[in-house]
Amino acid sequence: MNEISPVWNSLEIAKLTVDIITTLLLGAIFWLIDNAVRRAESARWLNQKLVEKKRVG
């Protein structure tokens, strides 16, 4: 009758909460970085096309 059962005390809840928040924050940070890189690449591409257009015309 000595069964091992998980104990959901405040420490376990705190650890789970920190794990979830950390994962969400890292995901948000990487998403923001990815968006910034994509915007920079898009702006660079647009500028390159404008320069090419000025050279031709």
PDB file of N, CA and C in Angstrom:
ATOM      1  N   MET A   1       0.809  -1.201   0.000  1.00  0.00           N
ATOM      2  CA  MET A   1       0.000   0.000   0.000  1.00  0.00           C
ATOM      3  C   MET A   1       0.852   1.264   0.000  1.00  0.00           C
ATOM      4  N   ASN A   2       2.126   1.101  -0.218  1.00  0.00           N
ATOM      5  CA  ASN A   2       2.996   2.258  -0.266  1.00  0.00           C
ATOM      6  C   ASN A   2       3.178   2.686  -1.721  1.00  0.00           C
ATOM      7  N   GLU A   3       2.148   3.304  -2.304  1.00  0.00           N
ATOM      8  CA  GLU A   3       2.186   3.719  -3.693  1.00  0.00           C
ATOM      9  C   GLU A   3       2.893   5.071  -3.821  1.00  0.00           C
ATOM     10  N   ILE A   4       3.634   5.200  -4.884  1.00  0.00           N
ATOM     11  CA  ILE A   4       4.293   6.475  -5.151  1.00  0.00           C
ATOM     12  C   ILE A   4       3.351   7.308  -6.005  1.00  0.00           C
ATOM     13  N   SER A   5       2.960   8.440  -5.486  1.00  0.00           N
ATOM     14  CA  SER A   5       2.073   9.317  -6.241  1.00  0.00           C
ATOM     15  C   SER A   5       2.706  10.703  -6.298  1.00  0.00           C
ATOM     16  N   PRO A   6       2.502  11.384  -7.414  1.00  0.00           N
ATOM     17  CA  PRO A   6       3.088  12.718  -7.522  1.00  0.00           C
ATOM     18  C   PRO A   6       2.437  13.683  -6.524  1.00  0.00           C
ATOM     19  N   VAL A   7       3.263  14.475  -5.926  1.00  0.00           N
ATOM     20  CA  VAL A   7       2.774  15.444  -4.960  1.00  0.00           C
ATOM     21  C   VAL A   7       2.817  16.815  -5.626  1.00  0.00           C
ATOM     22  N   TRP A   8       1.656  17.433  -5.751  1.00  0.00           N
ATOM     23  CA  TRP A   8       1.580  18.750  -6.379  1.00  0.00           C
ATOM     24  C   TRP A   8       1.573  19.812  -5.294  1.00  0.00           C
ATOM     25  N   ASN A   9       2.743  20.023  -4.725  1.00  0.00           N
ATOM     26  CA  ASN A   9       2.846  21.079  -3.731  1.00  0.00           C
ATOM     27  C   ASN A   9       3.230  22.381  -4.423  1.00  0.00           C
ATOM     28  N   SER A  10       3.402  23.420  -3.658  1.00  0.00           N
ATOM     29  CA  SER A  10       3.676  24.728  -4.236  1.00  0.00           C
ATOM     30  C   SER A  10       5.005  24.754  -4.984  1.00  0.00           C
ATOM     31  N   LEU A  11       5.979  23.965  -4.571  1.00  0.00           N
ATOM     32  CA  LEU A  11       7.259  23.923  -5.259  1.00  0.00           C
ATOM     33  C   LEU A  11       7.108  23.335  -6.659  1.00  0.00           C
ATOM     34  N   GLU A  12       6.366  22.261  -6.797  1.00  0.00           N
ATOM     35  CA  GLU A  12       6.138  21.655  -8.107  1.00  0.00           C
ATOM     36  C   GLU A  12       5.376  22.596  -9.024  1.00  0.00           C
ATOM     37  N   ILE A  13       4.401  23.277  -8.491  1.00  0.00           N
ATOM     38  CA  ILE A  13       3.626  24.230  -9.280  1.00  0.00           C
ATOM     39  C   ILE A  13       4.512  25.385  -9.724  1.00  0.00           C
ATOM     40  N   ALA A  14       5.378  25.863  -8.841  1.00  0.00           N
ATOM     41  CA  ALA A  14       6.290  26.955  -9.177  1.00  0.00           C
ATOM     42  C   ALA A  14       7.270  26.519 -10.261  1.00  0.00           C
ATOM     43  N   LYS A  15       7.813  25.307 -10.156  1.00  0.00           N
ATOM     44  CA  LYS A  15       8.746  24.812 -11.170  1.00  0.00           C
ATOM     45  C   LYS A  15       8.060  24.686 -12.530  1.00  0.00           C
ATOM     46  N   LEU A  16       6.856  24.173 -12.550  1.00  0.00           N
ATOM     47  CA  LEU A  16       6.109  24.052 -13.795  1.00  0.00           C
ATOM     48  C   LEU A  16       5.812  25.420 -14.397  1.00  0.00           C
ATOM     49  N   THR A  17       5.443  26.360 -13.559  1.00  0.00           N
ATOM     50  CA  THR A  17       5.148  27.714 -14.025  1.00  0.00           C
ATOM     51  C   THR A  17       6.395  28.364 -14.625  1.00  0.00           C
ATOM     52  N   VAL A  18       7.529  28.221 -13.969  1.00  0.00           N
ATOM     53  CA  VAL A  18       8.778  28.792 -14.477  1.00  0.00           C
ATOM     54  C   VAL A  18       9.150  28.144 -15.809  1.00  0.00           C
ATOM     55  N   ASP A  19       8.973  26.829 -15.915  1.00  0.00           N
ATOM     56  CA  ASP A  19       9.269  26.145 -17.175  1.00  0.00           C
ATOM     57  C   ASP A  19       8.400  26.677 -18.310  1.00  0.00           C
ATOM     58  N   ILE A  20       7.127  26.853 -18.057  1.00  0.00           N
ATOM     59  CA  ILE A  20       6.207  27.334 -19.089  1.00  0.00           C
ATOM     60  C   ILE A  20       6.538  28.773 -19.478  1.00  0.00           C
ATOM     61  N   ILE A  21       6.757  29.617 -18.485  1.00  0.00           N
ATOM     62  CA  ILE A  21       7.062  31.026 -18.766  1.00  0.00           C
ATOM     63  C   ILE A  21       8.376  31.143 -19.531  1.00  0.00           C
ATOM     64  N   THR A  22       9.381  30.369 -19.152  1.00  0.00           N
ATOM     65  CA  THR A  22      10.669  30.402 -19.845  1.00  0.00           C
ATOM     66  C   THR A  22      10.512  30.003 -21.307  1.00  0.00           C
ATOM     67  N   THR A  23       9.748  28.951 -21.542  1.00  0.00           N
ATOM     68  CA  THR A  23       9.522  28.504 -22.913  1.00  0.00           C
ATOM     69  C   THR A  23       8.804  29.573 -23.723  1.00  0.00           C
ATOM     70  N   LEU A  24       7.786  30.191 -23.155  1.00  0.00           N
ATOM     71  CA  LEU A  24       7.045  31.231 -23.862  1.00  0.00           C
ATOM     72  C   LEU A  24       7.916  32.451 -24.133  1.00  0.00           C
ATOM     73  N   LEU A  25       8.727  32.852 -23.160  1.00  0.00           N
ATOM     74  CA  LEU A  25       9.597  34.014 -23.354  1.00  0.00           C
ATOM     75  C   LEU A  25      10.646  33.751 -24.428  1.00  0.00           C
ATOM     76  N   LEU A  26      11.248  32.574 -24.409  1.00  0.00           N
ATOM     77  CA  LEU A  26      12.245  32.255 -25.434  1.00  0.00           C
ATOM     78  C   LEU A  26      11.602  32.220 -26.811  1.00  0.00           C
ATOM     79  N   GLY A  27      10.412  31.653 -26.895  1.00  0.00           N
ATOM     80  CA  GLY A  27       9.705  31.637 -28.174  1.00  0.00           C
ATOM     81  C   GLY A  27       9.413  33.038 -28.661  1.00  0.00           C
ATOM     82  N   ALA A  28       8.983  33.910 -27.768  1.00  0.00           N
ATOM     83  CA  ALA A  28       8.682  35.295 -28.149  1.00  0.00           C
ATOM     84  C   ALA A  28       9.950  36.025 -28.586  1.00  0.00           C
ATOM     85  N   ILE A  29      11.050  35.810 -27.890  1.00  0.00           N
ATOM     86  CA  ILE A  29      12.314  36.472 -28.242  1.00  0.00           C
ATOM     87  C   ILE A  29      12.776  36.022 -29.627  1.00  0.00           C
ATOM     88  N   PHE A  30      12.736  34.710 -29.876  1.00  0.00           N
ATOM     89  CA  PHE A  30      13.167  34.217 -31.180  1.00  0.00           C
ATOM     90  C   PHE A  30      12.227  34.685 -32.280  1.00  0.00           C
ATOM     91  N   TRP A  31      10.941  34.804 -31.994  1.00  0.00           N
ATOM     92  CA  TRP A  31       9.984  35.308 -32.979  1.00  0.00           C
ATOM     93  C   TRP A  31      10.293  36.768 -33.320  1.00  0.00           C
ATOM     94  N   LEU A  32      10.597  37.570 -32.291  1.00  0.00           N
ATOM     95  CA  LEU A  32      10.936  38.976 -32.529  1.00  0.00           C
ATOM     96  C   LEU A  32      12.220  39.112 -33.348  1.00  0.00           C
ATOM     97  N   ILE A  33      13.204  38.305 -33.022  1.00  0.00           N
ATOM     98  CA  ILE A  33      14.461  38.336 -33.775  1.00  0.00           C
ATOM     99  C   ILE A  33      14.215  37.930 -35.222  1.00  0.00           C
ATOM    100  N   ASP A  34      13.438  36.895 -35.430  1.00  0.00           N
ATOM    101  CA  ASP A  34      13.135  36.431 -36.781  1.00  0.00           C
ATOM    102  C   ASP A  34      12.420  37.510 -37.583  1.00  0.00           C
ATOM    103  N   ASN A  35      11.469  38.178 -36.964  1.00  0.00           N
ATOM    104  CA  ASN A  35      10.760  39.264 -37.659  1.00  0.00           C
ATOM    105  C   ASN A  35      11.697  40.407 -38.016  1.00  0.00           C
ATOM    106  N   ALA A  36      12.583  40.766 -37.103  1.00  0.00           N
ATOM    107  CA  ALA A  36      13.525  41.855 -37.373  1.00  0.00           C
ATOM    108  C   ALA A  36      14.452  41.493 -38.524  1.00  0.00           C
ATOM    109  N   VAL A  37      14.917  40.257 -38.557  1.00  0.00           N
ATOM    110  CA  VAL A  37      15.804  39.818 -39.640  1.00  0.00           C
ATOM    111  C   VAL A  37      15.060  39.831 -40.967  1.00  0.00           C
ATOM    112  N   ARG A  38      13.823  39.358 -40.962  1.00  0.00           N
ATOM    113  CA  ARG A  38      13.037  39.355 -42.204  1.00  0.00           C
ATOM    114  C   ARG A  38      12.782  40.771 -42.709  1.00  0.00           C
ATOM    115  N   ARG A  39      12.482  41.695 -41.797  1.00  0.00           N
ATOM    116  CA  ARG A  39      12.272  43.086 -42.207  1.00  0.00           C
ATOM    117  C   ARG A  39      13.550  43.691 -42.781  1.00  0.00           C
ATOM    118  N   ALA A  40      14.672  43.395 -42.147  1.00  0.00           N
ATOM    119  CA  ALA A  40      15.949  43.919 -42.643  1.00  0.00           C
ATOM    120  C   ALA A  40      16.265  43.358 -44.020  1.00  0.00           C
ATOM    121  N   GLU A  41      16.024  42.064 -44.212  1.00  0.00           N
ATOM    122  CA  GLU A  41      16.258  41.455 -45.518  1.00  0.00           C
ATOM    123  C   GLU A  41      15.332  42.056 -46.567  1.00  0.00           C
ATOM    124  N   SER A  42      14.089  42.283 -46.204  1.00  0.00           N
ATOM    125  CA  SER A  42      13.127  42.867 -47.136  1.00  0.00           C
ATOM    126  C   SER A  42      13.542  44.294 -47.519  1.00  0.00           C
ATOM    127  N   ALA A  43      13.973  45.068 -46.537  1.00  0.00           N
ATOM    128  CA  ALA A  43      14.412  46.438 -46.816  1.00  0.00           C
ATOM    129  C   ALA A  43      15.657  46.430 -47.694  1.00  0.00           C
ATOM    130  N   ARG A  44      16.578  45.523 -47.433  1.00  0.00           N
ATOM    131  CA  ARG A  44      17.795  45.435 -48.242  1.00  0.00           C
ATOM    132  C   ARG A  44      17.454  45.056 -49.680  1.00  0.00           C
ATOM    133  N   TRP A  45      16.531  44.112 -49.847  1.00  0.00           N
ATOM    134  CA  TRP A  45      16.114  43.696 -51.180  1.00  0.00           C
ATOM    135  C   TRP A  45      15.454  44.864 -51.920  1.00  0.00           C
ATOM    136  N   LEU A  46      14.578  45.598 -51.226  1.00  0.00           N
ATOM    137  CA  LEU A  46      13.906  46.737 -51.845  1.00  0.00           C
ATOM    138  C   LEU A  46      14.914  47.815 -52.247  1.00  0.00           C
ATOM    139  N   ASN A  47      15.852  48.101 -51.373  1.00  0.00           N
ATOM    140  CA  ASN A  47      16.889  49.085 -51.697  1.00  0.00           C
ATOM    141  C   ASN A  47      17.720  48.647 -52.899  1.00  0.00           C
ATOM    142  N   GLN A  48      18.032  47.366 -52.967  1.00  0.00           N
ATOM    143  CA  GLN A  48      18.809  46.847 -54.099  1.00  0.00           C
ATOM    144  C   GLN A  48      18.026  47.019 -55.396  1.00  0.00           C
ATOM    145  N   LYS A  49      16.729  46.731 -55.346  1.00  0.00           N
ATOM    146  CA  LYS A  49      15.908  46.884 -56.546  1.00  0.00           C
ATOM    147  C   LYS A  49      15.817  48.357 -56.971  1.00  0.00           C
ATOM    148  N   LEU A  50      15.736  49.256 -56.016  1.00  0.00           N
ATOM    149  CA  LEU A  50      15.696  50.688 -56.344  1.00  0.00           C
ATOM    150  C   LEU A  50      17.000  51.152 -56.984  1.00  0.00           C
ATOM    151  N   VAL A  51      18.107  50.658 -56.462  1.00  0.00           N
ATOM    152  CA  VAL A  51      19.409  51.004 -57.027  1.00  0.00           C
ATOM    153  C   VAL A  51      19.516  50.473 -58.454  1.00  0.00           C
ATOM    154  N   GLU A  52      19.066  49.243 -58.670  1.00  0.00           N
ATOM    155  CA  GLU A  52      19.104  48.659 -60.015  1.00  0.00           C
ATOM    156  C   GLU A  52      18.229  49.462 -60.966  1.00  0.00           C
ATOM    157  N   LYS A  53      17.075  49.902 -60.492  1.00  0.00           N
ATOM    158  CA  LYS A  53      16.154  50.669 -61.340  1.00  0.00           C
ATOM    159  C   LYS A  53      16.768  52.027 -61.709  1.00  0.00           C
ATOM    160  N   LYS A  54      17.458  52.661 -60.750  1.00  0.00           N
ATOM    161  CA  LYS A  54      18.098  53.950 -61.021  1.00  0.00           C
ATOM    162  C   LYS A  54      19.218  53.799 -62.034  1.00  0.00           C
ATOM    163  N   ARG A  55      19.949  52.688 -61.960  1.00  0.00           N
ATOM    164  CA  ARG A  55      21.056  52.456 -62.894  1.00  0.00           C
ATOM    165  C   ARG A  55      20.535  52.256 -64.318  1.00  0.00           C
ATOM    166  N   VAL A  56      19.421  51.568 -64.439  1.00  0.00           N
ATOM    167  CA  VAL A  56      18.868  51.279 -65.759  1.00  0.00           C
ATOM    168  C   VAL A  56      18.194  52.518 -66.335  1.00  0.00           C
ATOM    169  N   GLY A  57      17.403  53.202 -65.525  1.00  0.00           N
ATOM    170  CA  GLY A  57      16.609  54.303 -66.035  1.00  0.00           C
ATOM    171  C   GLY A  57      17.183  55.589 -65.768  1.00  0.00           C
TER     172      GLY A  57
END
